Amino acid sequence: MSGVPLSCGMLRYAIVGVLGTAIHFGVLAALVEFGGVEPVLASAAGFIVTLIVSYVLNHRWTFASPARHRTAFARYTAVSVLGLGLNSLIMYLAVHVFGLWYILAQALVVMVVPAVNYLLNRSWTFKSARS
């Protein structure tokens, strides 16, 4: 990402995130409505498809990374799981400890988690990892 301004990378990351969200919902709905798959399983499948698609787009387009896939994909998956955990923690604290409306709590998540994930992916996941 050396020649790309931070704001351009963040915009690309946001575009990939929106596309990933659409893919996740699309896979979920298609599997439930047309495949008769149970919703939790369908959502997990959507998460996996989204993880792969967003990884490829972020590796090639957002960060133009020279990092090896073996290392970068493992790191990307770790960051994604960390993001899910952070999402759950913020939601739990905001709703159950501080009594916030769940929509406001999710707005807090959207302000924190994507930024944390972007910074971790930029500084760790997609660095040139030669292992």
Protein backbone atom coordinates (compact mmCIF):
# COMPACT_ATOMS: atom_id res chain seq x y z
CA MET A 1 0.00 0.00 0.00
CA SER A 2 3.04 2.25 -0.13
CA GLY A 3 1.92 4.38 -3.11
CA VAL A 4 -1.79 4.54 -2.22
CA PRO A 5 -3.08 7.32 0.06
CA LEU A 6 -4.71 6.06 3.26
CA SER A 7 -8.08 7.53 2.29
CA CYS A 8 -8.08 5.64 -1.03
CA GLY A 9 -7.30 2.38 0.76
CA MET A 10 -10.02 3.02 3.30
CA LEU A 11 -12.52 3.76 0.53
CA ARG A 12 -11.60 0.55 -1.27
CA TYR A 13 -11.87 -1.35 2.01
CA ALA A 14 -15.35 0.12 2.55
CA ILE A 15 -16.43 -0.84 -0.98
CA VAL A 16 -15.24 -4.41 -0.42
CA GLY A 17 -17.08 -4.42 2.92
CA VAL A 18 -20.36 -3.33 1.34
CA LEU A 19 -19.95 -5.92 -1.42
CA GLY A 20 -19.14 -8.57 1.20
CA THR A 21 -22.27 -7.70 3.16
CA ALA A 22 -24.38 -8.02 0.02
CA ILE A 23 -22.79 -11.39 -0.79
CA HIS A 24 -23.36 -12.65 2.75
CA PHE A 25 -27.05 -11.70 2.66
CA GLY A 26 -27.40 -13.09 -0.88
CA VAL A 27 -25.90 -16.48 0.01
CA LEU A 28 -27.98 -16.61 3.19
CA ALA A 29 -31.25 -15.83 1.40
CA ALA A 30 -30.54 -18.12 -1.56
CA LEU A 31 -29.66 -21.09 0.63
CA VAL A 32 -32.69 -20.61 2.91
CA GLU A 33 -35.27 -19.73 0.27
CA PHE A 34 -34.16 -21.95 -2.61
CA GLY A 35 -32.06 -24.60 -0.92
CA GLY A 36 -34.10 -25.23 2.20
CA VAL A 37 -30.98 -24.83 4.35
CA GLU A 38 -31.39 -23.97 8.04
CA PRO A 39 -30.73 -20.21 8.56
CA VAL A 40 -27.81 -20.53 11.00
CA LEU A 41 -25.99 -22.95 8.70
CA ALA A 42 -26.82 -20.76 5.70
CA SER A 43 -25.42 -17.71 7.48
CA ALA A 44 -22.22 -19.59 8.31
CA ALA A 45 -21.89 -20.57 4.63
CA GLY A 46 -22.44 -16.92 3.68
CA PHE A 47 -19.72 -15.89 6.12
CA ILE A 48 -17.25 -18.34 4.56
CA VAL A 49 -18.05 -17.26 0.98
CA THR A 50 -17.76 -13.61 2.00
CA LEU A 51 -14.48 -14.25 3.81
CA ILE A 52 -12.94 -15.74 0.67
CA VAL A 53 -14.28 -13.10 -1.74
CA SER A 54 -13.36 -10.16 0.48
CA TYR A 55 -9.92 -11.63 1.15
CA VAL A 56 -9.17 -11.89 -2.57
CA LEU A 57 -10.43 -8.37 -3.27
CA ASN A 58 -8.57 -6.86 -0.33
CA HIS A 59 -5.37 -8.75 -1.15
CA ARG A 60 -5.34 -7.69 -4.80
CA TRP A 61 -7.26 -4.40 -4.97
CA THR A 62 -7.37 -2.68 -1.58
CA PHE A 63 -3.83 -3.37 -0.42
CA ALA A 64 -2.11 -4.68 -3.61
CA SER A 65 -0.27 -6.98 -1.25
CA PRO A 66 2.86 -8.99 -1.99
CA ALA A 67 2.11 -11.21 1.03
CA ARG A 68 1.90 -14.95 0.46
CA HIS A 69 -1.64 -16.31 0.53
CA ARG A 70 -0.82 -19.06 3.03
CA THR A 71 0.12 -16.49 5.65
CA ALA A 72 -2.13 -13.61 4.60
CA PHE A 73 -5.33 -15.69 4.47
CA ALA A 74 -4.69 -17.12 7.94
CA ARG A 75 -4.10 -13.61 9.26
CA TYR A 76 -7.17 -12.25 7.45
CA THR A 77 -9.29 -14.99 8.98
CA ALA A 78 -7.87 -14.21 12.45
CA VAL A 79 -8.66 -10.50 12.02
CA SER A 80 -12.19 -11.36 10.83
CA VAL A 81 -12.81 -13.60 13.84
CA LEU A 82 -11.38 -10.92 16.14
CA GLY A 83 -13.76 -8.43 14.50
CA LEU A 84 -16.69 -10.76 15.15
CA GLY A 85 -15.64 -11.06 18.79
CA LEU A 86 -15.27 -7.29 19.13
CA ASN A 87 -18.69 -6.85 17.49
CA SER A 88 -20.25 -9.22 20.03
CA LEU A 89 -18.48 -7.62 22.99
CA ILE A 90 -19.54 -4.09 22.02
CA MET A 91 -23.12 -5.22 21.40
CA TYR A 92 -23.28 -7.06 24.72
CA LEU A 93 -21.86 -4.17 26.72
CA ALA A 94 -23.92 -1.51 24.96
CA VAL A 95 -27.23 -3.37 25.17
CA HIS A 96 -27.00 -5.40 28.37
CA VAL A 97 -24.68 -3.32 30.54
CA PHE A 98 -25.39 0.24 29.40
CA GLY A 99 -29.00 -0.33 28.27
CA LEU A 100 -28.60 1.24 24.83
CA TRP A 101 -31.07 0.61 22.02
CA TYR A 102 -29.68 -2.22 19.87
CA ILE A 103 -29.65 -0.05 16.71
CA LEU A 104 -27.51 2.57 18.48
CA ALA A 105 -25.29 -0.23 19.77
CA GLN A 106 -24.82 -1.53 16.23
CA ALA A 107 -23.96 2.01 15.09
CA LEU A 108 -21.17 2.00 17.68
CA VAL A 109 -19.96 -1.31 16.27
CA VAL A 110 -19.88 0.14 12.76
CA MET A 111 -17.75 3.03 13.99
CA VAL A 112 -15.23 0.78 15.74
CA VAL A 113 -14.92 -2.67 14.16
CA PRO A 114 -14.31 -1.77 10.49
CA ALA A 115 -11.64 0.76 11.51
CA VAL A 116 -9.88 -1.76 13.75
CA ASN A 117 -10.07 -4.45 11.06
CA TYR A 118 -8.74 -2.04 8.43
CA LEU A 119 -5.77 -1.03 10.58
CA LEU A 120 -4.92 -4.64 11.46
CA ASN A 121 -5.24 -5.78 7.86
CA ARG A 122 -3.14 -2.88 6.59
CA SER A 123 -0.40 -3.20 9.19
CA TRP A 124 -0.29 -6.98 9.70
CA THR A 125 -2.37 -9.16 7.37
CA PHE A 126 -1.23 -7.85 4.02
CA LYS A 127 2.35 -6.95 4.87
CA SER A 128 4.91 -8.93 2.92
CA ALA A 129 4.90 -12.10 4.96
CA ARG A 130 7.45 -14.64 3.76
CA SER A 131 6.55 -17.53 6.03
